[in-house]
Amino acid sequence: MPAANNLLTTTPRGLFCEAGNFYVDPWRPVDHALITHAHSDHARWGSKKYLTADTGAEVLRIRMGDKANLSFQPLGRPLTINGVTVTFFPAGHILGSAQIKIEKDGYSVVVSGDYKRNPDATCRPFEPVRCHTFITESTFGLPIYRWPDPQTVFAGINDWWRSNQQSGKTSVLLAYSLGKAQRMLAGVDATIGSIYTHGAVEKLNAGYRAAGVALPKTTRVGDLDAKATDWNQSLIVAPPSAVGGTWAKRFGKLSVAMASGWMQVRGTRRRRAMDRGFILSDHVDWDDLLRTIVETEAEQVWVTHGYSDVVVRHLREQGWDAKVVETEFTGESLEEDAEPA
């Protein structure tokens, strides 16, 4: 077995591979950035060149803009960068999300980015990748986080929507505009009624459709005549920051729900003044986090994004060589910046 080496090191700009002269999900502008996925805490603006999996091309173009120098690599196809082998594997987080395996001289590191193991019709499923060092997120790295069956969650959303129709309320479902919103749209029963979207969601729906992902018919709220639209029979999908301002006032009497892993914790929904909370996350829960680490057969585990201290302490108690990797970002939050409606 090859000895551990310093293929990746932590720097003020993020994870750096000196041998390959590239960064992975850098926090600040660099010359060459490898990107796990298009969420803004991983794909930051300002770098000279970006490389990511080709399955995420459409959404990354939308997020990064026309001026970004983007390159795309097929999943599972090795690429050599300055003598370092780089391969992208599916992460199951959102469309285009990938783990990045970095290899040199018989040693390998896998940067998982964000990932999940539950089924999702809008992206490729996670593939465990064997490596010597595994870098994992821990956004929901506490034993209290154990996800229910997604189909049961979608059934609950459908029932809530039907109930609101009978009560004359407009159903507003809050979900992150990239990834979670599209997963919601693909999972709900579109025969119940019309589906309308916030502009931030609809913009990214176009990227998903261009990539071949099947979504039901949706219409941007801003393209509708507010006075002529029967809002209370519809489902409106919007980012969390869209409610509480003038944008939502057009809908009249509302029932507001949110789909998030944070809904697992009692009191979160109440503090957010929501009527319903649906437990659905695009990150691994506690059990899948530990299962994934075992499946990688890694000798060393680096833990970042979220409850890293808790996860590292548990792993060390089980005999793992584990450490915390600090980051400028803490993972999924309950907020997301809205774009024009």
C-alpha atoms as a PDB file:
ATOM      1  CA  MET A   1       0.000   0.000   0.000  1.00  0.00           C
ATOM      2  CA  PRO A   2       1.473   3.404  -0.981  1.00  0.00           C
ATOM      3  CA  ALA A   3       2.283   5.803   1.798  1.00  0.00           C
ATOM      4  CA  ALA A   4       0.124   8.883   2.331  1.00  0.00           C
ATOM      5  CA  ASN A   5       1.292  11.996   0.535  1.00  0.00           C
ATOM      6  CA  ASN A   6       0.293  15.619   0.208  1.00  0.00           C
ATOM      7  CA  LEU A   7      -1.754  15.432  -2.983  1.00  0.00           C
ATOM      8  CA  LEU A   8      -4.118  18.007  -1.524  1.00  0.00           C
ATOM      9  CA  THR A   9      -3.337  20.687   1.023  1.00  0.00           C
ATOM     10  CA  THR A  10      -5.488  23.341   2.663  1.00  0.00           C
ATOM     11  CA  THR A  11      -4.688  26.960   1.797  1.00  0.00           C
ATOM     12  CA  PRO A  12      -6.374  30.357   2.308  1.00  0.00           C
ATOM     13  CA  ARG A  13      -7.955  29.853  -1.130  1.00  0.00           C
ATOM     14  CA  GLY A  14      -9.183  26.323  -0.422  1.00  0.00           C
ATOM     15  CA  LEU A  15      -8.015  22.809  -1.311  1.00  0.00           C
ATOM     16  CA  PHE A  16      -4.909  22.912  -3.524  1.00  0.00           C
ATOM     17  CA  CYS A  17      -3.155  20.227  -5.557  1.00  0.00           C
ATOM     18  CA  GLU A  18       0.383  21.529  -5.969  1.00  0.00           C
ATOM     19  CA  ALA A  19       1.468  18.719  -8.294  1.00  0.00           C
ATOM     20  CA  GLY A  20      -1.397  19.449 -10.682  1.00  0.00           C
ATOM     21  CA  ASN A  21      -1.419  23.211 -10.013  1.00  0.00           C
ATOM     22  CA  PHE A  22      -5.194  23.366  -9.514  1.00  0.00           C
ATOM     23  CA  TYR A  23      -7.684  24.032  -6.739  1.00  0.00           C
ATOM     24  CA  VAL A  24     -10.892  22.158  -5.901  1.00  0.00           C
ATOM     25  CA  ASP A  25     -13.949  24.334  -5.151  1.00  0.00           C
ATOM     26  CA  PRO A  26     -11.735  27.335  -4.280  1.00  0.00           C
ATOM     27  CA  TRP A  27     -13.135  30.066  -2.062  1.00  0.00           C
ATOM     28  CA  ARG A  28     -11.387  32.856  -3.963  1.00  0.00           C
ATOM     29  CA  PRO A  29     -10.349  33.426  -7.596  1.00  0.00           C
ATOM     30  CA  VAL A  30      -7.535  31.149  -8.814  1.00  0.00           C
ATOM     31  CA  ASP A  31      -5.948  30.282 -12.166  1.00  0.00           C
ATOM     32  CA  HIS A  32      -7.411  26.767 -12.467  1.00  0.00           C
ATOM     33  CA  ALA A  33     -10.472  25.580 -10.513  1.00  0.00           C
ATOM     34  CA  LEU A  34     -11.992  22.101 -10.498  1.00  0.00           C
ATOM     35  CA  ILE A  35     -15.657  22.334  -9.464  1.00  0.00           C
ATOM     36  CA  THR A  36     -17.788  19.620  -7.852  1.00  0.00           C
ATOM     37  CA  HIS A  37     -21.118  21.313  -8.664  1.00  0.00           C
ATOM     38  CA  ALA A  38     -22.826  24.603  -9.457  1.00  0.00           C
ATOM     39  CA  HIS A  39     -24.009  25.745  -6.006  1.00  0.00           C
ATOM     40  CA  SER A  40     -22.494  29.112  -5.176  1.00  0.00           C
ATOM     41  CA  ASP A  41     -20.555  27.888  -2.119  1.00  0.00           C
ATOM     42  CA  HIS A  42     -18.625  25.539  -4.424  1.00  0.00           C
ATOM     43  CA  ALA A  43     -18.596  27.385  -7.767  1.00  0.00           C
ATOM     44  CA  ARG A  44     -17.247  30.854  -7.021  1.00  0.00           C
ATOM     45  CA  TRP A  45     -16.871  33.607  -9.600  1.00  0.00           C
ATOM     46  CA  GLY A  46     -13.583  35.133 -10.757  1.00  0.00           C
ATOM     47  CA  SER A  47     -11.253  32.210 -11.551  1.00  0.00           C
ATOM     48  CA  LYS A  48      -9.461  32.127 -14.918  1.00  0.00           C
ATOM     49  CA  LYS A  49     -10.436  28.547 -15.854  1.00  0.00           C
ATOM     50  CA  TYR A  50     -13.009  26.056 -14.582  1.00  0.00           C
ATOM     51  CA  LEU A  51     -13.316  22.312 -15.101  1.00  0.00           C
ATOM     52  CA  THR A  52     -16.318  20.251 -14.053  1.00  0.00           C
ATOM     53  CA  ALA A  53     -18.362  17.193 -15.077  1.00  0.00           C
ATOM     54  CA  ASP A  54     -20.149  17.548 -18.408  1.00  0.00           C
ATOM     55  CA  THR A  55     -23.486  16.544 -16.879  1.00  0.00           C
ATOM     56  CA  GLY A  56     -23.551  19.923 -15.126  1.00  0.00           C
ATOM     57  CA  ALA A  57     -22.725  22.041 -18.171  1.00  0.00           C
ATOM     58  CA  GLU A  58     -26.132  23.680 -18.601  1.00  0.00           C
ATOM     59  CA  VAL A  59     -26.669  24.755 -14.993  1.00  0.00           C
ATOM     60  CA  LEU A  60     -23.061  25.862 -14.500  1.00  0.00           C
ATOM     61  CA  ARG A  61     -23.318  28.099 -17.581  1.00  0.00           C
ATOM     62  CA  ILE A  62     -26.453  29.672 -16.130  1.00  0.00           C
ATOM     63  CA  ARG A  63     -24.836  30.205 -12.749  1.00  0.00           C
ATOM     64  CA  MET A  64     -21.416  31.415 -13.924  1.00  0.00           C
ATOM     65  CA  GLY A  65     -22.421  33.489 -16.958  1.00  0.00           C
ATOM     66  CA  ASP A  66     -21.067  33.792 -20.496  1.00  0.00           C
ATOM     67  CA  LYS A  67     -17.719  35.293 -19.486  1.00  0.00           C
ATOM     68  CA  ALA A  68     -16.556  32.312 -17.424  1.00  0.00           C
ATOM     69  CA  ASN A  69     -13.989  30.038 -19.104  1.00  0.00           C
ATOM     70  CA  LEU A  70     -15.684  26.663 -18.593  1.00  0.00           C
ATOM     71  CA  SER A  71     -14.483  23.202 -19.641  1.00  0.00           C
ATOM     72  CA  PHE A  72     -16.316  19.928 -19.173  1.00  0.00           C
ATOM     73  CA  GLN A  73     -15.154  16.359 -18.669  1.00  0.00           C
ATOM     74  CA  PRO A  74     -17.260  13.189 -19.147  1.00  0.00           C
ATOM     75  CA  LEU A  75     -17.991  11.215 -15.994  1.00  0.00           C
ATOM     76  CA  GLY A  76     -15.670   8.270 -15.447  1.00  0.00           C
ATOM     77  CA  ARG A  77     -13.118   9.354 -18.072  1.00  0.00           C
ATOM     78  CA  PRO A  78      -9.646  10.045 -16.577  1.00  0.00           C
ATOM     79  CA  LEU A  79      -7.899  13.285 -17.492  1.00  0.00           C
ATOM     80  CA  THR A  80      -4.210  14.024 -16.872  1.00  0.00           C
ATOM     81  CA  ILE A  81      -3.328  17.491 -15.577  1.00  0.00           C
ATOM     82  CA  ASN A  82       0.411  18.114 -15.125  1.00  0.00           C
ATOM     83  CA  GLY A  83       0.980  14.439 -14.376  1.00  0.00           C
ATOM     84  CA  VAL A  84      -1.976  14.145 -11.993  1.00  0.00           C
ATOM     85  CA  THR A  85      -4.946  11.953 -12.980  1.00  0.00           C
ATOM     86  CA  VAL A  86      -8.382  13.488 -12.378  1.00  0.00           C
ATOM     87  CA  THR A  87     -11.685  11.626 -12.770  1.00  0.00           C
ATOM     88  CA  PHE A  88     -15.238  12.830 -12.083  1.00  0.00           C
ATOM     89  CA  PHE A  89     -17.820  10.434 -10.600  1.00  0.00           C
ATOM     90  CA  PRO A  90     -21.534  11.049  -9.847  1.00  0.00           C
ATOM     91  CA  ALA A  91     -22.316  12.537  -6.432  1.00  0.00           C
ATOM     92  CA  GLY A  92     -26.134  12.388  -6.532  1.00  0.00           C
ATOM     93  CA  HIS A  93     -26.519  15.864  -5.002  1.00  0.00           C
ATOM     94  CA  ILE A  94     -27.977  17.900  -7.900  1.00  0.00           C
ATOM     95  CA  LEU A  95     -27.754  17.828 -11.691  1.00  0.00           C
ATOM     96  CA  GLY A  96     -24.073  17.671 -12.643  1.00  0.00           C
ATOM     97  CA  SER A  97     -22.756  17.165  -9.125  1.00  0.00           C
ATOM     98  CA  ALA A  98     -19.598  15.088  -9.039  1.00  0.00           C
ATOM     99  CA  GLN A  99     -16.961  13.642  -6.792  1.00  0.00           C
ATOM    100  CA  ILE A 100     -13.432  14.334  -7.971  1.00  0.00           C
ATOM    101  CA  LYS A 101     -10.849  11.562  -7.699  1.00  0.00           C
ATOM    102  CA  ILE A 102      -7.259  12.807  -7.773  1.00  0.00           C
ATOM    103  CA  GLU A 103      -4.430  10.268  -8.269  1.00  0.00           C
ATOM    104  CA  LYS A 104      -0.647  10.336  -8.483  1.00  0.00           C
ATOM    105  CA  ASP A 105       2.044   7.731  -7.835  1.00  0.00           C
ATOM    106  CA  GLY A 106      -0.436   5.120  -6.649  1.00  0.00           C
ATOM    107  CA  TYR A 107      -2.168   7.364  -4.109  1.00  0.00           C
ATOM    108  CA  SER A 108      -5.717   8.708  -4.464  1.00  0.00           C
ATOM    109  CA  VAL A 109      -7.905  11.335  -2.832  1.00  0.00           C
ATOM    110  CA  VAL A 110     -11.632  11.733  -3.465  1.00  0.00           C
ATOM    111  CA  VAL A 111     -13.274  15.109  -2.888  1.00  0.00           C
ATOM    112  CA  SER A 112     -16.969  14.283  -2.596  1.00  0.00           C
ATOM    113  CA  GLY A 113     -18.325  17.836  -2.608  1.00  0.00           C
ATOM    114  CA  ASP A 114     -21.975  17.556  -1.531  1.00  0.00           C
ATOM    115  CA  TYR A 115     -23.694  14.207  -2.037  1.00  0.00           C
ATOM    116  CA  LYS A 116     -26.709  12.095  -1.174  1.00  0.00           C
ATOM    117  CA  ARG A 117     -27.708   8.443  -1.460  1.00  0.00           C
ATOM    118  CA  ASN A 118     -31.523   8.767  -1.729  1.00  0.00           C
ATOM    119  CA  PRO A 119     -33.108   8.375  -5.197  1.00  0.00           C
ATOM    120  CA  ASP A 120     -33.562  11.520  -7.280  1.00  0.00           C
ATOM    121  CA  ALA A 121     -35.032  11.530 -10.804  1.00  0.00           C
ATOM    122  CA  THR A 122     -33.212  14.761 -11.702  1.00  0.00           C
ATOM    123  CA  CYS A 123     -29.580  13.638 -11.355  1.00  0.00           C
ATOM    124  CA  ARG A 124     -27.336  10.605 -11.604  1.00  0.00           C
ATOM    125  CA  PRO A 125     -27.072   8.471  -8.445  1.00  0.00           C
ATOM    126  CA  PHE A 126     -24.028   8.526  -6.192  1.00  0.00           C
ATOM    127  CA  GLU A 127     -21.289   5.988  -6.915  1.00  0.00           C
ATOM    128  CA  PRO A 128     -18.957   4.938  -4.072  1.00  0.00           C
ATOM    129  CA  VAL A 129     -15.330   5.412  -5.138  1.00  0.00           C
ATOM    130  CA  ARG A 130     -12.446   3.598  -3.449  1.00  0.00           C
ATOM    131  CA  CYS A 131      -9.580   5.827  -2.384  1.00  0.00           C
ATOM    132  CA  HIS A 132      -6.877   6.322   0.237  1.00  0.00           C
ATOM    133  CA  THR A 133      -8.229   9.648   1.531  1.00  0.00           C
ATOM    134  CA  PHE A 134     -11.923  10.544   1.407  1.00  0.00           C
ATOM    135  CA  ILE A 135     -13.062  14.142   1.915  1.00  0.00           C
ATOM    136  CA  THR A 136     -16.680  14.207   3.025  1.00  0.00           C
ATOM    137  CA  GLU A 137     -19.239  16.856   3.861  1.00  0.00           C
ATOM    138  CA  SER A 138     -21.100  16.680   7.174  1.00  0.00           C
ATOM    139  CA  THR A 139     -23.943  19.166   6.650  1.00  0.00           C
ATOM    140  CA  PHE A 140     -26.342  16.870   8.507  1.00  0.00           C
ATOM    141  CA  GLY A 141     -23.713  14.955  10.446  1.00  0.00           C
ATOM    142  CA  LEU A 142     -25.703  14.284  13.609  1.00  0.00           C
ATOM    143  CA  PRO A 143     -27.505  11.043  14.599  1.00  0.00           C
ATOM    144  CA  ILE A 144     -30.835  12.918  14.742  1.00  0.00           C
ATOM    145  CA  TYR A 145     -30.783  13.326  10.967  1.00  0.00           C
ATOM    146  CA  ARG A 146     -32.245  10.208   9.341  1.00  0.00           C
ATOM    147  CA  TRP A 147     -34.280  10.781   6.193  1.00  0.00           C
ATOM    148  CA  PRO A 148     -37.716   9.264   5.526  1.00  0.00           C
ATOM    149  CA  ASP A 149     -38.608   7.569   2.234  1.00  0.00           C
ATOM    150  CA  PRO A 150     -38.793  10.344  -0.431  1.00  0.00           C
ATOM    151  CA  GLN A 151     -41.956   8.863  -1.954  1.00  0.00           C
ATOM    152  CA  THR A 152     -43.696   9.220   1.398  1.00  0.00           C
ATOM    153  CA  VAL A 153     -42.593  12.856   1.512  1.00  0.00           C
ATOM    154  CA  PHE A 154     -43.931  13.545  -1.991  1.00  0.00           C
ATOM    155  CA  ALA A 155     -47.240  11.924  -1.055  1.00  0.00           C
ATOM    156  CA  GLY A 156     -47.450  14.307   1.896  1.00  0.00           C
ATOM    157  CA  ILE A 157     -46.794  17.307  -0.348  1.00  0.00           C
ATOM    158  CA  ASN A 158     -49.545  16.185  -2.733  1.00  0.00           C
ATOM    159  CA  ASP A 159     -52.016  15.789   0.148  1.00  0.00           C
ATOM    160  CA  TRP A 160     -51.116  19.247   1.490  1.00  0.00           C
ATOM    161  CA  TRP A 161     -51.663  20.792  -1.956  1.00  0.00           C
ATOM    162  CA  ARG A 162     -55.084  19.125  -2.362  1.00  0.00           C
ATOM    163  CA  SER A 163     -56.121  20.205   1.127  1.00  0.00           C
ATOM    164  CA  ASN A 164     -55.186  23.808   0.372  1.00  0.00           C
ATOM    165  CA  GLN A 165     -57.266  23.719  -2.798  1.00  0.00           C
ATOM    166  CA  GLN A 166     -60.288  22.672  -0.771  1.00  0.00           C
ATOM    167  CA  SER A 167     -59.617  25.470   1.747  1.00  0.00           C
ATOM    168  CA  GLY A 168     -59.124  28.158  -0.907  1.00  0.00           C
ATOM    169  CA  LYS A 169     -55.457  28.676  -0.050  1.00  0.00           C
ATOM    170  CA  THR A 170     -52.534  29.129  -2.419  1.00  0.00           C
ATOM    171  CA  SER A 171     -49.846  26.459  -1.902  1.00  0.00           C
ATOM    172  CA  VAL A 172     -46.356  27.998  -1.777  1.00  0.00           C
ATOM    173  CA  LEU A 173     -43.563  25.423  -1.526  1.00  0.00           C
ATOM    174  CA  LEU A 174     -40.141  26.799  -0.625  1.00  0.00           C
ATOM    175  CA  ALA A 175     -37.104  25.000  -2.032  1.00  0.00           C
ATOM    176  CA  TYR A 176     -33.618  26.041  -3.136  1.00  0.00           C
ATOM    177  CA  SER A 177     -33.780  27.271  -6.728  1.00  0.00           C
ATOM    178  CA  LEU A 178     -31.000  24.960  -7.977  1.00  0.00           C
ATOM    179  CA  GLY A 179     -31.517  21.271  -7.321  1.00  0.00           C
ATOM    180  CA  LYS A 180     -34.180  21.022  -4.632  1.00  0.00           C
ATOM    181  CA  ALA A 181     -36.805  22.944  -6.638  1.00  0.00           C
ATOM    182  CA  GLN A 182     -36.353  20.696  -9.671  1.00  0.00           C
ATOM    183  CA  ARG A 183     -36.452  17.596  -7.496  1.00  0.00           C
ATOM    184  CA  MET A 184     -39.760  18.833  -6.052  1.00  0.00           C
ATOM    185  CA  LEU A 185     -41.188  19.467  -9.495  1.00  0.00           C
ATOM    186  CA  ALA A 186     -40.179  16.012 -10.732  1.00  0.00           C
ATOM    187  CA  GLY A 187     -41.692  14.334  -7.665  1.00  0.00           C
ATOM    188  CA  VAL A 188     -45.083  15.987  -7.161  1.00  0.00           C
ATOM    189  CA  ASP A 189     -48.307  14.945  -8.911  1.00  0.00           C
ATOM    190  CA  ALA A 190     -48.646  17.541 -11.669  1.00  0.00           C
ATOM    191  CA  THR A 191     -52.229  16.475 -12.427  1.00  0.00           C
ATOM    192  CA  ILE A 192     -53.438  18.128  -9.204  1.00  0.00           C
ATOM    193  CA  GLY A 193     -53.250  21.631 -10.677  1.00  0.00           C
ATOM    194  CA  SER A 194     -51.146  24.263 -12.410  1.00  0.00           C
ATOM    195  CA  ILE A 195     -47.561  24.761 -11.280  1.00  0.00           C
ATOM    196  CA  TYR A 196     -46.039  28.238 -11.191  1.00  0.00           C
ATOM    197  CA  THR A 197     -42.496  29.226 -10.308  1.00  0.00           C
ATOM    198  CA  HIS A 198     -40.411  32.087  -9.023  1.00  0.00           C
ATOM    199  CA  GLY A 199     -38.081  33.506 -11.679  1.00  0.00           C
ATOM    200  CA  ALA A 200     -34.974  32.102  -9.959  1.00  0.00           C
ATOM    201  CA  VAL A 201     -36.462  28.601 -10.180  1.00  0.00           C
ATOM    202  CA  GLU A 202     -37.714  28.913 -13.743  1.00  0.00           C
ATOM    203  CA  LYS A 203     -34.339  30.127 -14.971  1.00  0.00           C
ATOM    204  CA  LEU A 204     -32.726  26.923 -13.733  1.00  0.00           C
ATOM    205  CA  ASN A 205     -35.622  24.755 -14.905  1.00  0.00           C
ATOM    206  CA  ALA A 206     -34.535  25.738 -18.413  1.00  0.00           C
ATOM    207  CA  GLY A 207     -31.060  24.372 -17.721  1.00  0.00           C
ATOM    208  CA  TYR A 208     -32.466  21.078 -16.450  1.00  0.00           C
ATOM    209  CA  ARG A 209     -34.723  20.703 -19.485  1.00  0.00           C
ATOM    210  CA  ALA A 210     -31.822  21.492 -21.815  1.00  0.00           C
ATOM    211  CA  ALA A 211     -29.882  18.673 -20.122  1.00  0.00           C
ATOM    212  CA  GLY A 212     -32.730  16.247 -20.828  1.00  0.00           C
ATOM    213  CA  VAL A 213     -34.302  16.120 -17.362  1.00  0.00           C
ATOM    214  CA  ALA A 214     -38.082  15.589 -17.492  1.00  0.00           C
ATOM    215  CA  LEU A 215     -40.018  18.244 -15.564  1.00  0.00           C
ATOM    216  CA  PRO A 216     -43.744  19.036 -15.632  1.00  0.00           C
ATOM    217  CA  LYS A 217     -45.049  22.171 -17.324  1.00  0.00           C
ATOM    218  CA  THR A 218     -44.295  25.264 -15.260  1.00  0.00           C
ATOM    219  CA  THR A 219     -44.955  28.971 -15.772  1.00  0.00           C
ATOM    220  CA  ARG A 220     -43.027  31.874 -14.319  1.00  0.00           C
ATOM    221  CA  VAL A 221     -45.219  33.869 -11.914  1.00  0.00           C
ATOM    222  CA  GLY A 222     -44.056  37.137 -13.444  1.00  0.00           C
ATOM    223  CA  ASP A 223     -45.418  36.079 -16.861  1.00  0.00           C
ATOM    224  CA  LEU A 224     -48.984  35.766 -15.555  1.00  0.00           C
ATOM    225  CA  ASP A 225     -51.768  38.298 -15.094  1.00  0.00           C
ATOM    226  CA  ALA A 226     -52.051  38.354 -11.303  1.00  0.00           C
ATOM    227  CA  LYS A 227     -55.708  39.430 -11.314  1.00  0.00           C
ATOM    228  CA  ALA A 228     -56.772  36.848 -13.888  1.00  0.00           C
ATOM    229  CA  THR A 229     -54.949  33.869 -12.359  1.00  0.00           C
ATOM    230  CA  ASP A 230     -56.645  31.430  -9.977  1.00  0.00           C
ATOM    231  CA  TRP A 231     -53.728  31.114  -7.600  1.00  0.00           C
ATOM    232  CA  ASN A 232     -55.442  29.000  -4.956  1.00  0.00           C
ATOM    233  CA  GLN A 233     -55.615  25.916  -7.185  1.00  0.00           C
ATOM    234  CA  SER A 234     -51.952  26.082  -8.045  1.00  0.00           C
ATOM    235  CA  LEU A 235     -48.626  25.042  -6.552  1.00  0.00           C
ATOM    236  CA  ILE A 236     -46.006  27.790  -6.491  1.00  0.00           C
ATOM    237  CA  VAL A 237     -42.361  26.782  -6.091  1.00  0.00           C
ATOM    238  CA  ALA A 238     -40.016  29.521  -4.884  1.00  0.00           C
ATOM    239  CA  PRO A 239     -36.719  29.968  -3.008  1.00  0.00           C
ATOM    240  CA  PRO A 240     -36.933  30.559   0.771  1.00  0.00           C
ATOM    241  CA  SER A 241     -36.137  34.266   0.497  1.00  0.00           C
ATOM    242  CA  ALA A 242     -39.119  34.924  -1.782  1.00  0.00           C
ATOM    243  CA  VAL A 243     -41.737  35.040   0.974  1.00  0.00           C
ATOM    244  CA  GLY A 244     -42.115  37.819   3.494  1.00  0.00           C
ATOM    245  CA  GLY A 245     -41.938  40.615   0.908  1.00  0.00           C
ATOM    246  CA  THR A 246     -44.149  42.071  -1.776  1.00  0.00           C
ATOM    247  CA  TRP A 247     -43.625  39.180  -4.217  1.00  0.00           C
ATOM    248  CA  ALA A 248     -45.941  36.787  -2.350  1.00  0.00           C
ATOM    249  CA  LYS A 249     -48.721  39.282  -1.590  1.00  0.00           C
ATOM    250  CA  ARG A 250     -50.333  38.773  -4.998  1.00  0.00           C
ATOM    251  CA  PHE A 251     -51.364  35.226  -4.077  1.00  0.00           C
ATOM    252  CA  GLY A 252     -53.905  36.138  -1.394  1.00  0.00           C
ATOM    253  CA  LYS A 253     -54.498  33.589   1.331  1.00  0.00           C
ATOM    254  CA  LEU A 254     -51.426  31.338   1.594  1.00  0.00           C
ATOM    255  CA  SER A 255     -50.247  28.082   3.023  1.00  0.00           C
ATOM    256  CA  VAL A 256     -46.443  28.083   3.087  1.00  0.00           C
ATOM    257  CA  ALA A 257     -44.342  24.930   3.358  1.00  0.00           C
ATOM    258  CA  MET A 258     -40.654  24.190   3.014  1.00  0.00           C
ATOM    259  CA  ALA A 259     -38.776  21.104   1.829  1.00  0.00           C
ATOM    260  CA  SER A 260     -35.463  20.734   3.673  1.00  0.00           C
ATOM    261  CA  GLY A 261     -33.481  18.405   5.863  1.00  0.00           C
ATOM    262  CA  TRP A 262     -33.699  21.066   8.578  1.00  0.00           C
ATOM    263  CA  MET A 263     -37.393  20.216   8.945  1.00  0.00           C
ATOM    264  CA  GLN A 264     -36.221  17.137  10.887  1.00  0.00           C
ATOM    265  CA  VAL A 265     -35.690  19.373  13.926  1.00  0.00           C
ATOM    266  CA  ARG A 266     -38.755  20.335  15.912  1.00  0.00           C
ATOM    267  CA  GLY A 267     -39.213  24.064  16.191  1.00  0.00           C
ATOM    268  CA  THR A 268     -37.541  24.996  12.896  1.00  0.00           C
ATOM    269  CA  ARG A 269     -40.853  25.234  11.052  1.00  0.00           C
ATOM    270  CA  ARG A 270     -42.400  27.238  13.882  1.00  0.00           C
ATOM    271  CA  ARG A 271     -39.516  29.706  13.979  1.00  0.00           C
ATOM    272  CA  ARG A 272     -39.850  30.192  10.245  1.00  0.00           C
ATOM    273  CA  ALA A 273     -43.617  30.801  10.529  1.00  0.00           C
ATOM    274  CA  MET A 274     -44.419  28.017   8.054  1.00  0.00           C
ATOM    275  CA  ASP A 275     -47.551  25.876   7.982  1.00  0.00           C
ATOM    276  CA  ARG A 276     -45.789  22.674   6.974  1.00  0.00           C
ATOM    277  CA  GLY A 277     -42.284  21.304   6.812  1.00  0.00           C
ATOM    278  CA  PHE A 278     -41.339  18.383   4.587  1.00  0.00           C
ATOM    279  CA  ILE A 279     -38.160  16.455   5.378  1.00  0.00           C
ATOM    280  CA  LEU A 280     -36.289  16.153   2.108  1.00  0.00           C
ATOM    281  CA  SER A 281     -32.577  16.828   1.782  1.00  0.00           C
ATOM    282  CA  ASP A 282     -30.051  16.719  -1.037  1.00  0.00           C
ATOM    283  CA  HIS A 283     -27.323  15.734   1.453  1.00  0.00           C
ATOM    284  CA  VAL A 284     -26.539  12.441   3.174  1.00  0.00           C
ATOM    285  CA  ASP A 285     -28.053  11.745   6.552  1.00  0.00           C
ATOM    286  CA  TRP A 286     -26.114  10.252   9.467  1.00  0.00           C
ATOM    287  CA  ASP A 287     -26.493   6.605   8.418  1.00  0.00           C
ATOM    288  CA  ASP A 288     -25.611   7.191   4.762  1.00  0.00           C
ATOM    289  CA  LEU A 289     -22.623   9.334   5.729  1.00  0.00           C
ATOM    290  CA  LEU A 290     -21.111   6.518   7.791  1.00  0.00           C
ATOM    291  CA  ARG A 291     -22.053   3.869   5.206  1.00  0.00           C
ATOM    292  CA  THR A 292     -20.346   5.848   2.463  1.00  0.00           C
ATOM    293  CA  ILE A 293     -17.113   6.203   4.432  1.00  0.00           C
ATOM    294  CA  VAL A 294     -16.987   2.436   4.925  1.00  0.00           C
ATOM    295  CA  GLU A 295     -17.626   1.787   1.226  1.00  0.00           C
ATOM    296  CA  THR A 296     -14.733   4.005   0.118  1.00  0.00           C
ATOM    297  CA  GLU A 297     -12.301   1.800   2.104  1.00  0.00           C
ATOM    298  CA  ALA A 298     -10.346   4.981   2.817  1.00  0.00           C
ATOM    299  CA  GLU A 299      -7.413   4.957   5.232  1.00  0.00           C
ATOM    300  CA  GLN A 300      -7.975   8.601   6.160  1.00  0.00           C
ATOM    301  CA  VAL A 301     -11.130  10.723   6.281  1.00  0.00           C
ATOM    302  CA  TRP A 302     -11.250  14.514   6.112  1.00  0.00           C
ATOM    303  CA  VAL A 303     -14.532  16.047   7.258  1.00  0.00           C
ATOM    304  CA  THR A 304     -15.820  19.478   6.282  1.00  0.00           C
ATOM    305  CA  HIS A 305     -19.019  21.551   5.845  1.00  0.00           C
ATOM    306  CA  GLY A 306     -21.300  21.255   8.872  1.00  0.00           C
ATOM    307  CA  TYR A 307     -20.986  19.136  12.012  1.00  0.00           C
ATOM    308  CA  SER A 308     -17.400  18.141  11.250  1.00  0.00           C
ATOM    309  CA  ASP A 309     -16.267  18.043  14.901  1.00  0.00           C
ATOM    310  CA  VAL A 310     -19.025  15.606  15.833  1.00  0.00           C
ATOM    311  CA  VAL A 311     -18.362  13.331  12.876  1.00  0.00           C
ATOM    312  CA  VAL A 312     -14.593  13.305  13.423  1.00  0.00           C
ATOM    313  CA  ARG A 313     -14.987  12.496  17.117  1.00  0.00           C
ATOM    314  CA  HIS A 314     -17.313   9.579  16.265  1.00  0.00           C
ATOM    315  CA  LEU A 315     -14.975   8.252  13.573  1.00  0.00           C
ATOM    316  CA  ARG A 316     -11.968   8.393  15.878  1.00  0.00           C
ATOM    317  CA  GLU A 317     -13.901   6.512  18.536  1.00  0.00           C
ATOM    318  CA  GLN A 318     -14.498   3.808  15.909  1.00  0.00           C
ATOM    319  CA  GLY A 319     -10.793   3.650  15.073  1.00  0.00           C
ATOM    320  CA  TRP A 320     -10.696   5.808  11.952  1.00  0.00           C
ATOM    321  CA  ASP A 321      -7.892   8.224  11.102  1.00  0.00           C
ATOM    322  CA  ALA A 322     -10.041  11.342  10.739  1.00  0.00           C
ATOM    323  CA  LYS A 323      -9.597  15.093  10.917  1.00  0.00           C
ATOM    324  CA  VAL A 324     -11.555  18.311  10.461  1.00  0.00           C
ATOM    325  CA  VAL A 325     -10.893  20.417   7.371  1.00  0.00           C
ATOM    326  CA  GLU A 326     -11.933  24.010   7.961  1.00  0.00           C
ATOM    327  CA  THR A 327     -13.960  25.823   5.323  1.00  0.00           C
ATOM    328  CA  GLU A 328     -15.317  29.314   4.777  1.00  0.00           C
ATOM    329  CA  PHE A 329     -18.737  27.799   4.135  1.00  0.00           C
ATOM    330  CA  THR A 330     -20.824  25.717   6.520  1.00  0.00           C
ATOM    331  CA  GLY A 331     -23.063  23.926   4.011  1.00  0.00           C
ATOM    332  CA  GLU A 332     -26.795  24.169   3.408  1.00  0.00           C
ATOM    333  CA  SER A 333     -28.617  26.897   5.275  1.00  0.00           C
ATOM    334  CA  LEU A 334     -32.244  27.971   5.453  1.00  0.00           C
ATOM    335  CA  GLU A 335     -31.572  31.000   3.263  1.00  0.00           C
ATOM    336  CA  GLU A 336     -30.977  31.513  -0.406  1.00  0.00           C
ATOM    337  CA  ASP A 337     -30.680  34.752  -2.328  1.00  0.00           C
ATOM    338  CA  ALA A 338     -33.628  35.333  -4.622  1.00  0.00           C
ATOM    339  CA  GLU A 339     -33.339  36.521  -8.187  1.00  0.00           C
ATOM    340  CA  PRO A 340     -35.908  38.766  -9.926  1.00  0.00           C
ATOM    341  CA  ALA A 341     -39.343  37.136 -10.016  1.00  0.00           C
END
